[in-house]
C-alpha atoms as a PDB file:
ATOM      1  CA  MET A   1     -83.172 -32.276  12.513  1.00  0.00           C
ATOM      2  CA  THR A   2     -83.094 -35.813  13.949  1.00  0.00           C
ATOM      3  CA  GLU A   3     -83.012 -36.388  17.696  1.00  0.00           C
ATOM      4  CA  LYS A   4     -79.424 -37.670  17.471  1.00  0.00           C
ATOM      5  CA  LYS A   5     -78.284 -34.655  15.454  1.00  0.00           C
ATOM      6  CA  GLU A   6     -79.977 -32.324  17.911  1.00  0.00           C
ATOM      7  CA  LEU A   7     -78.275 -34.133  20.804  1.00  0.00           C
ATOM      8  CA  GLU A   8     -74.847 -33.785  19.156  1.00  0.00           C
ATOM      9  CA  THR A   9     -75.474 -30.082  18.507  1.00  0.00           C
ATOM     10  CA  ASN A  10     -76.495 -29.491  22.119  1.00  0.00           C
ATOM     11  CA  LEU A  11     -73.460 -31.378  23.405  1.00  0.00           C
ATOM     12  CA  LYS A  12     -71.184 -29.094  21.396  1.00  0.00           C
ATOM     13  CA  ARG A  13     -73.044 -26.045  22.672  1.00  0.00           C
ATOM     14  CA  LEU A  14     -72.421 -27.346  26.196  1.00  0.00           C
ATOM     15  CA  LYS A  15     -68.718 -27.688  25.275  1.00  0.00           C
ATOM     16  CA  MET A  16     -68.733 -31.480  25.592  1.00  0.00           C
ATOM     17  CA  PRO A  17     -67.092 -32.414  22.256  1.00  0.00           C
ATOM     18  CA  ALA A  18     -65.672 -35.746  23.462  1.00  0.00           C
ATOM     19  CA  VAL A  19     -69.167 -36.968  24.350  1.00  0.00           C
ATOM     20  CA  ALA A  20     -70.439 -35.853  20.935  1.00  0.00           C
ATOM     21  CA  ASN A  21     -67.513 -37.447  19.091  1.00  0.00           C
ATOM     22  CA  ASN A  22     -67.815 -40.787  20.923  1.00  0.00           C
ATOM     23  CA  LEU A  23     -71.598 -40.984  20.926  1.00  0.00           C
ATOM     24  CA  ASP A  24     -71.879 -43.460  18.026  1.00  0.00           C
ATOM     25  CA  LEU A  25     -69.198 -45.726  19.500  1.00  0.00           C
ATOM     26  CA  ARG A  26     -70.761 -45.757  22.964  1.00  0.00           C
ATOM     27  CA  LEU A  27     -74.277 -46.324  21.541  1.00  0.00           C
ATOM     28  CA  ARG A  28     -72.973 -49.346  19.626  1.00  0.00           C
ATOM     29  CA  GLU A  29     -71.199 -50.699  22.721  1.00  0.00           C
ATOM     30  CA  ALA A  30     -74.330 -50.174  24.791  1.00  0.00           C
ATOM     31  CA  ARG A  31     -76.433 -52.176  22.329  1.00  0.00           C
ATOM     32  CA  GLU A  32     -73.876 -54.966  21.951  1.00  0.00           C
ATOM     33  CA  ASN A  33     -73.272 -55.322  25.694  1.00  0.00           C
ATOM     34  CA  ASP A  34     -76.775 -54.563  26.968  1.00  0.00           C
ATOM     35  CA  LEU A  35     -75.471 -51.663  29.051  1.00  0.00           C
ATOM     36  CA  GLY A  36     -77.822 -49.879  31.396  1.00  0.00           C
ATOM     37  CA  TYR A  37     -78.436 -46.149  31.179  1.00  0.00           C
ATOM     38  CA  VAL A  38     -76.084 -45.354  34.069  1.00  0.00           C
ATOM     39  CA  ASP A  39     -73.207 -47.426  32.624  1.00  0.00           C
ATOM     40  CA  PHE A  40     -73.718 -45.837  29.197  1.00  0.00           C
ATOM     41  CA  LEU A  41     -73.708 -42.321  30.640  1.00  0.00           C
ATOM     42  CA  SER A  42     -70.689 -43.122  32.836  1.00  0.00           C
ATOM     43  CA  LEU A  43     -68.636 -44.148  29.785  1.00  0.00           C
ATOM     44  CA  LEU A  44     -69.484 -40.918  27.984  1.00  0.00           C
ATOM     45  CA  ILE A  45     -68.557 -38.815  31.011  1.00  0.00           C
ATOM     46  CA  GLN A  46     -65.259 -40.682  31.355  1.00  0.00           C
ATOM     47  CA  ASP A  47     -64.540 -39.856  27.703  1.00  0.00           C
ATOM     48  CA  GLU A  48     -65.147 -36.168  28.362  1.00  0.00           C
ATOM     49  CA  ILE A  49     -63.003 -36.122  31.506  1.00  0.00           C
ATOM     50  CA  ALA A  50     -60.110 -37.892  29.725  1.00  0.00           C
ATOM     51  CA  SER A  51     -60.335 -35.471  26.807  1.00  0.00           C
ATOM     52  CA  ARG A  52     -60.334 -32.413  29.042  1.00  0.00           C
ATOM     53  CA  GLU A  53     -57.389 -33.676  31.089  1.00  0.00           C
ATOM     54  CA  SER A  54     -55.431 -34.371  27.905  1.00  0.00           C
ATOM     55  CA  ASN A  55     -56.223 -30.929  26.474  1.00  0.00           C
ATOM     56  CA  ASN A  56     -55.357 -29.240  29.759  1.00  0.00           C
ATOM     57  CA  LEU A  57     -51.977 -31.007  29.895  1.00  0.00           C
ATOM     58  CA  ALA A  58     -51.219 -30.071  26.291  1.00  0.00           C
ATOM     59  CA  LYS A  59     -52.023 -26.413  27.073  1.00  0.00           C
ATOM     60  CA  LYS A  60     -49.841 -26.402  30.204  1.00  0.00           C
ATOM     61  CA  ILE A  61     -46.902 -27.846  28.254  1.00  0.00           C
ATOM     62  CA  ARG A  62     -47.456 -25.384  25.402  1.00  0.00           C
ATOM     63  CA  ASP A  63     -47.732 -22.401  27.771  1.00  0.00           C
ATOM     64  CA  ALA A  64     -44.586 -23.462  29.664  1.00  0.00           C
ATOM     65  CA  GLY A  65     -42.427 -22.648  26.638  1.00  0.00           C
ATOM     66  CA  PHE A  66     -40.204 -25.731  26.645  1.00  0.00           C
ATOM     67  CA  PRO A  67     -37.667 -25.601  23.777  1.00  0.00           C
ATOM     68  CA  SER A  68     -38.736 -29.078  22.648  1.00  0.00           C
ATOM     69  CA  ALA A  69     -40.741 -32.033  23.895  1.00  0.00           C
ATOM     70  CA  LEU A  70     -38.086 -33.411  26.255  1.00  0.00           C
ATOM     71  CA  SER A  71     -39.137 -35.983  28.841  1.00  0.00           C
ATOM     72  CA  PHE A  72     -37.567 -38.662  31.019  1.00  0.00           C
ATOM     73  CA  GLU A  73     -38.774 -41.302  28.547  1.00  0.00           C
ATOM     74  CA  GLN A  74     -36.102 -39.967  26.158  1.00  0.00           C
ATOM     75  CA  PHE A  75     -33.375 -39.539  28.777  1.00  0.00           C
ATOM     76  CA  ASP A  76     -30.465 -41.985  28.982  1.00  0.00           C
ATOM     77  CA  PHE A  77     -29.948 -42.375  32.735  1.00  0.00           C
ATOM     78  CA  ASN A  78     -26.781 -44.441  32.229  1.00  0.00           C
ATOM     79  CA  PHE A  79     -24.924 -42.044  29.927  1.00  0.00           C
ATOM     80  CA  ASN A  80     -23.486 -39.878  32.736  1.00  0.00           C
ATOM     81  CA  LYS A  81     -24.415 -42.050  35.709  1.00  0.00           C
ATOM     82  CA  GLU A  82     -20.996 -41.533  37.370  1.00  0.00           C
ATOM     83  CA  VAL A  83     -21.663 -37.801  37.815  1.00  0.00           C
ATOM     84  CA  LEU A  84     -25.489 -37.820  37.600  1.00  0.00           C
ATOM     85  CA  PRO A  85     -26.656 -40.774  39.732  1.00  0.00           C
ATOM     86  CA  PRO A  86     -29.903 -42.153  38.249  1.00  0.00           C
ATOM     87  CA  ALA A  87     -31.463 -42.413  41.717  1.00  0.00           C
ATOM     88  CA  THR A  88     -30.922 -38.679  42.292  1.00  0.00           C
ATOM     89  CA  VAL A  89     -32.412 -37.722  38.930  1.00  0.00           C
ATOM     90  CA  ARG A  90     -35.405 -40.053  39.417  1.00  0.00           C
ATOM     91  CA  ASP A  91     -36.016 -38.558  42.859  1.00  0.00           C
ATOM     92  CA  LEU A  92     -36.087 -35.054  41.369  1.00  0.00           C
ATOM     93  CA  ALA A  93     -38.538 -36.317  38.731  1.00  0.00           C
ATOM     94  CA  CYS A  94     -41.047 -37.003  41.523  1.00  0.00           C
ATOM     95  CA  CYS A  95     -41.308 -33.200  42.006  1.00  0.00           C
ATOM     96  CA  ARG A  96     -41.352 -33.424  45.797  1.00  0.00           C
ATOM     97  CA  PHE A  97     -38.894 -30.528  46.023  1.00  0.00           C
ATOM     98  CA  ILE A  98     -41.474 -28.355  44.230  1.00  0.00           C
ATOM     99  CA  GLU A  99     -44.085 -29.253  46.848  1.00  0.00           C
ATOM    100  CA  ARG A 100     -41.547 -28.183  49.511  1.00  0.00           C
ATOM    101  CA  PHE A 101     -40.872 -24.859  47.674  1.00  0.00           C
ATOM    102  CA  GLU A 102     -37.188 -25.716  47.286  1.00  0.00           C
ATOM    103  CA  ASN A 103     -34.947 -24.563  44.458  1.00  0.00           C
ATOM    104  CA  LEU A 104     -32.672 -26.713  42.318  1.00  0.00           C
ATOM    105  CA  VAL A 105     -29.323 -25.376  41.108  1.00  0.00           C
ATOM    106  CA  PHE A 106     -27.834 -27.537  38.357  1.00  0.00           C
ATOM    107  CA  CYS A 107     -24.371 -26.546  37.125  1.00  0.00           C
ATOM    108  CA  GLY A 108     -21.958 -28.287  34.787  1.00  0.00           C
ATOM    109  CA  PRO A 109     -20.251 -28.201  31.398  1.00  0.00           C
ATOM    110  CA  PRO A 110     -22.271 -27.894  28.181  1.00  0.00           C
ATOM    111  CA  GLY A 111     -23.994 -30.965  26.785  1.00  0.00           C
ATOM    112  CA  ILE A 112     -24.311 -33.126  29.915  1.00  0.00           C
ATOM    113  CA  GLY A 113     -28.118 -32.904  29.936  1.00  0.00           C
ATOM    114  CA  LYS A 114     -28.902 -29.967  32.242  1.00  0.00           C
ATOM    115  CA  SER A 115     -31.607 -28.459  30.020  1.00  0.00           C
ATOM    116  CA  HIS A 116     -33.022 -31.898  29.200  1.00  0.00           C
ATOM    117  CA  ILE A 117     -33.379 -32.814  32.880  1.00  0.00           C
ATOM    118  CA  ALA A 118     -34.837 -29.396  33.743  1.00  0.00           C
ATOM    119  CA  SER A 119     -37.355 -29.647  30.882  1.00  0.00           C
ATOM    120  CA  ALA A 120     -38.263 -33.213  31.826  1.00  0.00           C
ATOM    121  CA  ILE A 121     -38.888 -32.177  35.448  1.00  0.00           C
ATOM    122  CA  GLY A 122     -41.038 -29.326  34.128  1.00  0.00           C
ATOM    123  CA  ASN A 123     -42.947 -31.800  31.977  1.00  0.00           C
ATOM    124  CA  GLU A 124     -43.596 -33.992  35.020  1.00  0.00           C
ATOM    125  CA  ALA A 125     -44.750 -30.939  36.979  1.00  0.00           C
ATOM    126  CA  CYS A 126     -47.254 -30.121  34.216  1.00  0.00           C
ATOM    127  CA  ARG A 127     -48.601 -33.674  34.498  1.00  0.00           C
ATOM    128  CA  ARG A 128     -49.180 -32.955  38.184  1.00  0.00           C
ATOM    129  CA  GLN A 129     -51.319 -29.940  37.241  1.00  0.00           C
ATOM    130  CA  MET A 130     -48.623 -27.398  38.126  1.00  0.00           C
ATOM    131  CA  ASP A 131     -47.994 -24.179  36.194  1.00  0.00           C
ATOM    132  CA  VAL A 132     -44.485 -24.057  34.715  1.00  0.00           C
ATOM    133  CA  ILE A 133     -42.453 -21.420  32.868  1.00  0.00           C
ATOM    134  CA  PHE A 134     -39.251 -22.360  31.013  1.00  0.00           C
ATOM    135  CA  ARG A 135     -37.065 -19.561  29.652  1.00  0.00           C
ATOM    136  CA  LYS A 136     -33.500 -18.849  28.729  1.00  0.00           C
ATOM    137  CA  THR A 137     -32.571 -16.378  31.462  1.00  0.00           C
ATOM    138  CA  SER A 138     -31.419 -13.694  29.019  1.00  0.00           C
ATOM    139  CA  LYS A 139     -34.633 -13.988  27.003  1.00  0.00           C
ATOM    140  CA  LEU A 140     -36.832 -13.715  30.084  1.00  0.00           C
ATOM    141  CA  ILE A 141     -35.178 -10.587  31.455  1.00  0.00           C
ATOM    142  CA  SER A 142     -35.188  -9.085  27.961  1.00  0.00           C
ATOM    143  CA  GLU A 143     -38.954  -9.635  27.776  1.00  0.00           C
ATOM    144  CA  LEU A 144     -39.418  -8.250  31.286  1.00  0.00           C
ATOM    145  CA  SER A 145     -37.447  -5.078  30.503  1.00  0.00           C
ATOM    146  CA  ASP A 146     -39.114  -4.355  27.154  1.00  0.00           C
ATOM    147  CA  PRO A 147     -40.546  -0.787  27.404  1.00  0.00           C
ATOM    148  CA  LEU A 148     -42.765  -1.132  24.307  1.00  0.00           C
ATOM    149  CA  TYR A 149     -45.332  -3.523  25.789  1.00  0.00           C
ATOM    150  CA  PRO A 150     -45.972  -2.602  29.456  1.00  0.00           C
ATOM    151  CA  LYS A 151     -49.168  -4.661  29.773  1.00  0.00           C
ATOM    152  CA  ARG A 152     -47.520  -7.773  28.315  1.00  0.00           C
ATOM    153  CA  ARG A 153     -44.515  -7.189  30.576  1.00  0.00           C
ATOM    154  CA  ALA A 154     -46.707  -6.901  33.675  1.00  0.00           C
ATOM    155  CA  ASN A 155     -48.614 -10.085  32.796  1.00  0.00           C
ATOM    156  CA  LEU A 156     -45.385 -12.020  32.216  1.00  0.00           C
ATOM    157  CA  LEU A 157     -43.906 -10.799  35.516  1.00  0.00           C
ATOM    158  CA  LYS A 158     -47.055 -11.885  37.353  1.00  0.00           C
ATOM    159  CA  LYS A 159     -46.866 -15.360  35.773  1.00  0.00           C
ATOM    160  CA  THR A 160     -43.117 -15.602  36.399  1.00  0.00           C
ATOM    161  CA  ILE A 161     -43.507 -14.810  40.090  1.00  0.00           C
ATOM    162  CA  GLY A 162     -46.649 -16.902  40.568  1.00  0.00           C
ATOM    163  CA  CYS A 163     -45.977 -20.145  38.670  1.00  0.00           C
ATOM    164  CA  HIS A 164     -45.327 -23.297  40.690  1.00  0.00           C
ATOM    165  CA  LEU A 165     -42.040 -23.955  38.876  1.00  0.00           C
ATOM    166  CA  LEU A 166     -39.814 -21.425  37.110  1.00  0.00           C
ATOM    167  CA  ILE A 167     -36.926 -22.806  35.036  1.00  0.00           C
ATOM    168  CA  LEU A 168     -34.122 -20.328  34.317  1.00  0.00           C
ATOM    169  CA  ASP A 169     -31.894 -21.936  31.698  1.00  0.00           C
ATOM    170  CA  ASP A 170     -28.316 -20.787  30.987  1.00  0.00           C
ATOM    171  CA  PHE A 171     -28.159 -18.549  34.057  1.00  0.00           C
ATOM    172  CA  ALA A 172     -25.056 -16.305  34.276  1.00  0.00           C
ATOM    173  CA  PHE A 173     -24.270 -16.953  30.603  1.00  0.00           C
ATOM    174  CA  ARG A 174     -23.418 -13.241  30.197  1.00  0.00           C
ATOM    175  CA  LYS A 175     -23.126 -10.113  32.322  1.00  0.00           C
ATOM    176  CA  TYR A 176     -26.352  -8.442  33.437  1.00  0.00           C
ATOM    177  CA  SER A 177     -27.105  -4.731  33.573  1.00  0.00           C
ATOM    178  CA  GLN A 178     -28.283  -2.987  36.725  1.00  0.00           C
ATOM    179  CA  GLU A 179     -31.889  -3.055  35.477  1.00  0.00           C
ATOM    180  CA  GLU A 180     -31.670  -6.752  34.617  1.00  0.00           C
ATOM    181  CA  SER A 181     -30.135  -7.486  38.017  1.00  0.00           C
ATOM    182  CA  GLU A 182     -32.992  -5.710  39.753  1.00  0.00           C
ATOM    183  CA  ILE A 183     -35.515  -7.771  37.758  1.00  0.00           C
ATOM    184  CA  LEU A 184     -33.778 -10.999  38.791  1.00  0.00           C
ATOM    185  CA  TYR A 185     -33.690  -9.847  42.409  1.00  0.00           C
ATOM    186  CA  SER A 186     -37.415  -9.078  42.325  1.00  0.00           C
ATOM    187  CA  ILE A 187     -38.178 -12.561  40.973  1.00  0.00           C
ATOM    188  CA  ALA A 188     -35.875 -14.299  43.458  1.00  0.00           C
ATOM    189  CA  ASP A 189     -37.223 -12.329  46.416  1.00  0.00           C
ATOM    190  CA  GLU A 190     -40.915 -12.790  45.561  1.00  0.00           C
ATOM    191  CA  ARG A 191     -40.561 -16.545  45.001  1.00  0.00           C
ATOM    192  CA  LEU A 192     -38.392 -17.292  48.041  1.00  0.00           C
ATOM    193  CA  GLY A 193     -40.070 -19.899  50.256  1.00  0.00           C
ATOM    194  CA  LYS A 194     -43.293 -19.745  48.211  1.00  0.00           C
ATOM    195  CA  LYS A 195     -42.431 -21.323  44.846  1.00  0.00           C
ATOM    196  CA  SER A 196     -39.647 -23.417  43.299  1.00  0.00           C
ATOM    197  CA  THR A 197     -37.041 -22.383  40.752  1.00  0.00           C
ATOM    198  CA  ILE A 198     -34.660 -24.533  38.721  1.00  0.00           C
ATOM    199  CA  ILE A 199     -31.476 -22.823  37.565  1.00  0.00           C
ATOM    200  CA  THR A 200     -29.141 -24.363  35.005  1.00  0.00           C
ATOM    201  CA  SER A 201     -25.730 -22.855  34.350  1.00  0.00           C
ATOM    202  CA  ASN A 202     -22.386 -23.677  32.789  1.00  0.00           C
ATOM    203  CA  ARG A 203     -20.746 -21.828  35.682  1.00  0.00           C
ATOM    204  CA  PRO A 204     -20.672 -22.823  39.372  1.00  0.00           C
ATOM    205  CA  PRO A 205     -22.467 -20.404  41.756  1.00  0.00           C
ATOM    206  CA  GLU A 206     -19.231 -18.909  43.074  1.00  0.00           C
ATOM    207  CA  ASP A 207     -18.563 -17.550  39.572  1.00  0.00           C
ATOM    208  CA  TRP A 208     -21.945 -15.835  39.307  1.00  0.00           C
ATOM    209  CA  TYR A 209     -20.921 -12.760  41.296  1.00  0.00           C
ATOM    210  CA  ALA A 210     -18.895 -11.507  38.322  1.00  0.00           C
ATOM    211  CA  VAL A 211     -21.963 -11.181  36.066  1.00  0.00           C
ATOM    212  CA  PHE A 212     -23.644  -8.577  38.314  1.00  0.00           C
ATOM    213  CA  PRO A 213     -22.552  -4.915  38.280  1.00  0.00           C
ATOM    214  CA  ASP A 214     -23.396  -4.454  41.962  1.00  0.00           C
ATOM    215  CA  PRO A 215     -21.934  -7.072  44.342  1.00  0.00           C
ATOM    216  CA  VAL A 216     -24.619  -6.301  46.935  1.00  0.00           C
ATOM    217  CA  ILE A 217     -27.540  -7.104  44.654  1.00  0.00           C
ATOM    218  CA  GLY A 218     -25.578 -10.034  43.200  1.00  0.00           C
ATOM    219  CA  GLY A 219     -25.089 -11.466  46.676  1.00  0.00           C
ATOM    220  CA  ALA A 220     -28.771 -10.960  47.493  1.00  0.00           C
ATOM    221  CA  ILE A 221     -29.843 -12.810  44.332  1.00  0.00           C
ATOM    222  CA  LEU A 222     -27.500 -15.721  45.039  1.00  0.00           C
ATOM    223  CA  ASP A 223     -28.633 -15.905  48.643  1.00  0.00           C
ATOM    224  CA  ARG A 224     -32.282 -16.249  47.590  1.00  0.00           C
ATOM    225  CA  PHE A 225     -31.733 -18.651  44.709  1.00  0.00           C
ATOM    226  CA  VAL A 226     -28.874 -20.785  46.031  1.00  0.00           C
ATOM    227  CA  SER A 227     -28.483 -20.775  49.827  1.00  0.00           C
ATOM    228  CA  SER A 228     -31.109 -23.409  50.668  1.00  0.00           C
ATOM    229  CA  ALA A 229     -31.340 -25.014  47.218  1.00  0.00           C
ATOM    230  CA  ILE A 230     -30.694 -28.588  46.187  1.00  0.00           C
ATOM    231  CA  LYS A 231     -27.365 -28.428  44.364  1.00  0.00           C
ATOM    232  CA  LEU A 232     -26.177 -30.596  41.502  1.00  0.00           C
ATOM    233  CA  ILE A 233     -22.695 -29.326  40.719  1.00  0.00           C
ATOM    234  CA  VAL A 234     -20.979 -31.423  38.036  1.00  0.00           C
ATOM    235  CA  ALA A 235     -17.312 -30.651  37.325  1.00  0.00           C
ATOM    236  CA  LYS A 236     -17.080 -32.825  34.222  1.00  0.00           C
ATOM    237  CA  GLY A 237     -19.132 -35.243  32.206  1.00  0.00           C
ATOM    238  CA  LYS A 238     -19.693 -36.635  28.720  1.00  0.00           C
ATOM    239  CA  SER A 239     -21.538 -34.461  26.208  1.00  0.00           C
ATOM    240  CA  TYR A 240     -24.727 -35.841  24.654  1.00  0.00           C
ATOM    241  CA  ARG A 241     -24.370 -33.471  21.712  1.00  0.00           C
ATOM    242  CA  LYS A 242     -20.783 -34.497  20.944  1.00  0.00           C
ATOM    243  CA  GLU A 243     -21.687 -38.177  21.262  1.00  0.00           C
ATOM    244  CA  LYS A 244     -24.660 -37.709  18.935  1.00  0.00           C
ATOM    245  CA  ASN A 245     -22.451 -35.967  16.357  1.00  0.00           C
ATOM    246  CA  ILE A 246     -19.874 -38.773  16.509  1.00  0.00           C
ATOM    247  CA  LEU A 247     -22.534 -41.463  16.087  1.00  0.00           C
ATOM    248  CA  SER A 248     -24.125 -39.645  13.146  1.00  0.00           C
ATOM    249  CA  LYS A 249     -20.869 -39.516  11.164  1.00  0.00           C
END
């Protein structure tokens, strides 16, 4: 085995694949530019750091469970600017409310971009090294009430309570059972003042009481999720999906 081959093998054993992959390129640059040993090594280390940061971001986004790769780069800030002021949306994209452990309640008719904005904020949070979970509310509570996999359920509950940002999409889309209500209360209570939650819903908060079988637990959930939250309540707005369908015809 040549010295170079042995070096590449050892780099992979040390879990430094970016250094191994870029070794030929950096050796050529070092020869062409008369780089010193420190400059040469610094370039290789920068390659490894960049690779690890990129891989870590990709894993965070994958683990978050976003429905698709939605970001603010794809968002049309002018489409519904009358009801969704671009300055407000851009401010939320800075994720400062997450650092303050505040919630965001985003309600409005279907198609105005609630899930897109929530996903894009989650994407930005991942870029800031935050742990994010995105779930349809019904799917999450279904997973958390599944009796067949207690260990998986316990792990998911721990992640749901502990992540920096929890996104509950389509909240109050249907009525919840007593068990489901208790799960939502547990999440809301554990996260209150410690973590941030984004809730999207087609219904305004005052209509949420009807989806809970017990008005006491329903009121407690709303109090924890909504009372001190940032609220974006949109009564009407243009639908992205309808517009897209019209343009595609």
